[in-house]
Amino acid sequence: MPFFRITVTKRVYTNCVRLEPSMSVDVVTHSFSDPVRTNSGKSVEEAFRRIYGVDIRKAGALNSTYLKVKRIG
């Protein structure tokens, strides 16, 4: 199963949601493709909510402009 690390690259403060550069989450998926684009980014959205308590979709940052995806394993 592929293991990805998703990291915020730009500071975001929108809709009362604050994201800081270097905030990162680890996501394990069943697919080898980018988890931000796969399944509407649900696994990434859930990981940010679980770890940081923020709604990355509400901030409008669930895209490659604000997130860097790196495959770890």
C-alpha atoms as a PDB file:
ATOM      1  CA  MET A   1       0.000   0.000   0.000  1.00  0.00           C
ATOM      2  CA  PRO A   2       1.436   3.380  -0.986  1.00  0.00           C
ATOM      3  CA  PHE A   3       2.326   5.821   1.757  1.00  0.00           C
ATOM      4  CA  PHE A   4       2.196   9.575   1.047  1.00  0.00           C
ATOM      5  CA  ARG A   5       3.238  12.673   3.006  1.00  0.00           C
ATOM      6  CA  ILE A   6       1.187  15.782   2.232  1.00  0.00           C
ATOM      7  CA  THR A   7       2.686  19.118   3.330  1.00  0.00           C
ATOM      8  CA  VAL A   8       1.204  22.630   3.261  1.00  0.00           C
ATOM      9  CA  THR A   9       3.487  24.906   1.211  1.00  0.00           C
ATOM     10  CA  LYS A  10       1.854  28.340   1.666  1.00  0.00           C
ATOM     11  CA  ARG A  11       0.273  30.159   4.587  1.00  0.00           C
ATOM     12  CA  VAL A  12      -3.527  30.177   4.285  1.00  0.00           C
ATOM     13  CA  TYR A  13      -6.123  31.999   6.381  1.00  0.00           C
ATOM     14  CA  THR A  14      -9.545  31.713   4.799  1.00  0.00           C
ATOM     15  CA  ASN A  15     -13.027  31.144   6.258  1.00  0.00           C
ATOM     16  CA  CYS A  16     -11.588  31.157   9.803  1.00  0.00           C
ATOM     17  CA  VAL A  17      -9.250  28.263   8.945  1.00  0.00           C
ATOM     18  CA  ARG A  18      -5.515  28.795   9.370  1.00  0.00           C
ATOM     19  CA  LEU A  19      -2.924  26.601   7.683  1.00  0.00           C
ATOM     20  CA  GLU A  20       0.780  27.119   8.202  1.00  0.00           C
ATOM     21  CA  PRO A  21       3.658  25.999   5.985  1.00  0.00           C
ATOM     22  CA  SER A  22       5.190  22.738   7.139  1.00  0.00           C
ATOM     23  CA  MET A  23       1.909  21.320   8.509  1.00  0.00           C
ATOM     24  CA  SER A  24       1.964  17.769   7.199  1.00  0.00           C
ATOM     25  CA  VAL A  25      -0.017  14.553   7.372  1.00  0.00           C
ATOM     26  CA  ASP A  26       0.730  10.999   6.335  1.00  0.00           C
ATOM     27  CA  VAL A  27      -1.830   9.084   4.300  1.00  0.00           C
ATOM     28  CA  VAL A  28      -1.930   5.409   3.329  1.00  0.00           C
ATOM     29  CA  THR A  29      -4.004   4.626   0.230  1.00  0.00           C
ATOM     30  CA  HIS A  30      -4.945   1.693  -1.966  1.00  0.00           C
ATOM     31  CA  SER A  31      -4.107   3.671  -5.094  1.00  0.00           C
ATOM     32  CA  PHE A  32      -0.697   4.679  -6.450  1.00  0.00           C
ATOM     33  CA  SER A  33      -2.052   8.016  -7.704  1.00  0.00           C
ATOM     34  CA  ASP A  34      -2.006  11.377  -5.924  1.00  0.00           C
ATOM     35  CA  PRO A  35      -4.338  11.199  -2.849  1.00  0.00           C
ATOM     36  CA  VAL A  36      -5.253  14.890  -3.236  1.00  0.00           C
ATOM     37  CA  ARG A  37      -6.823  14.130  -6.623  1.00  0.00           C
ATOM     38  CA  THR A  38      -8.099  10.638  -5.870  1.00  0.00           C
ATOM     39  CA  ASN A  39     -11.599  10.283  -4.395  1.00  0.00           C
ATOM     40  CA  SER A  40     -11.941  14.096  -4.110  1.00  0.00           C
ATOM     41  CA  GLY A  41      -9.128  14.168  -1.542  1.00  0.00           C
ATOM     42  CA  LYS A  42     -11.255  12.555   1.201  1.00  0.00           C
ATOM     43  CA  SER A  43      -8.322  10.759   2.844  1.00  0.00           C
ATOM     44  CA  VAL A  44      -6.268  13.985   2.970  1.00  0.00           C
ATOM     45  CA  GLU A  45      -9.223  15.985   4.275  1.00  0.00           C
ATOM     46  CA  GLU A  46      -9.873  13.416   7.018  1.00  0.00           C
ATOM     47  CA  ALA A  47      -6.187  13.315   8.004  1.00  0.00           C
ATOM     48  CA  PHE A  48      -5.992  17.114   8.446  1.00  0.00           C
ATOM     49  CA  ARG A  49      -9.211  17.063  10.450  1.00  0.00           C
ATOM     50  CA  ARG A  50      -7.983  14.202  12.645  1.00  0.00           C
ATOM     51  CA  ILE A  51      -4.493  15.567  13.327  1.00  0.00           C
ATOM     52  CA  TYR A  52      -4.949  19.363  13.318  1.00  0.00           C
ATOM     53  CA  GLY A  53      -8.716  19.780  13.700  1.00  0.00           C
ATOM     54  CA  VAL A  54      -8.974  21.952  10.568  1.00  0.00           C
ATOM     55  CA  ASP A  55     -11.202  21.661   7.523  1.00  0.00           C
ATOM     56  CA  ILE A  56      -8.784  21.999   4.621  1.00  0.00           C
ATOM     57  CA  ARG A  57     -11.642  21.889   2.102  1.00  0.00           C
ATOM     58  CA  LYS A  58     -13.361  24.855   3.809  1.00  0.00           C
ATOM     59  CA  ALA A  59     -10.095  26.779   3.508  1.00  0.00           C
ATOM     60  CA  GLY A  60     -10.056  26.069  -0.231  1.00  0.00           C
ATOM     61  CA  ALA A  61      -6.596  24.555   0.052  1.00  0.00           C
ATOM     62  CA  LEU A  62      -7.275  21.004  -1.049  1.00  0.00           C
ATOM     63  CA  ASN A  63      -5.256  21.358  -4.262  1.00  0.00           C
ATOM     64  CA  SER A  64      -1.700  21.261  -5.554  1.00  0.00           C
ATOM     65  CA  THR A  65      -1.299  25.046  -5.221  1.00  0.00           C
ATOM     66  CA  TYR A  66      -1.163  24.752  -1.427  1.00  0.00           C
ATOM     67  CA  LEU A  67      -0.151  21.117  -0.935  1.00  0.00           C
ATOM     68  CA  LYS A  68       2.982  19.179  -1.850  1.00  0.00           C
ATOM     69  CA  VAL A  69       2.583  15.426  -2.179  1.00  0.00           C
ATOM     70  CA  LYS A  70       5.558  13.124  -1.726  1.00  0.00           C
ATOM     71  CA  ARG A  71       5.402   9.358  -2.008  1.00  0.00           C
ATOM     72  CA  ILE A  72       7.293   7.821   0.905  1.00  0.00           C
ATOM     73  CA  GLY A  73       6.757   4.116   0.369  1.00  0.00           C
END
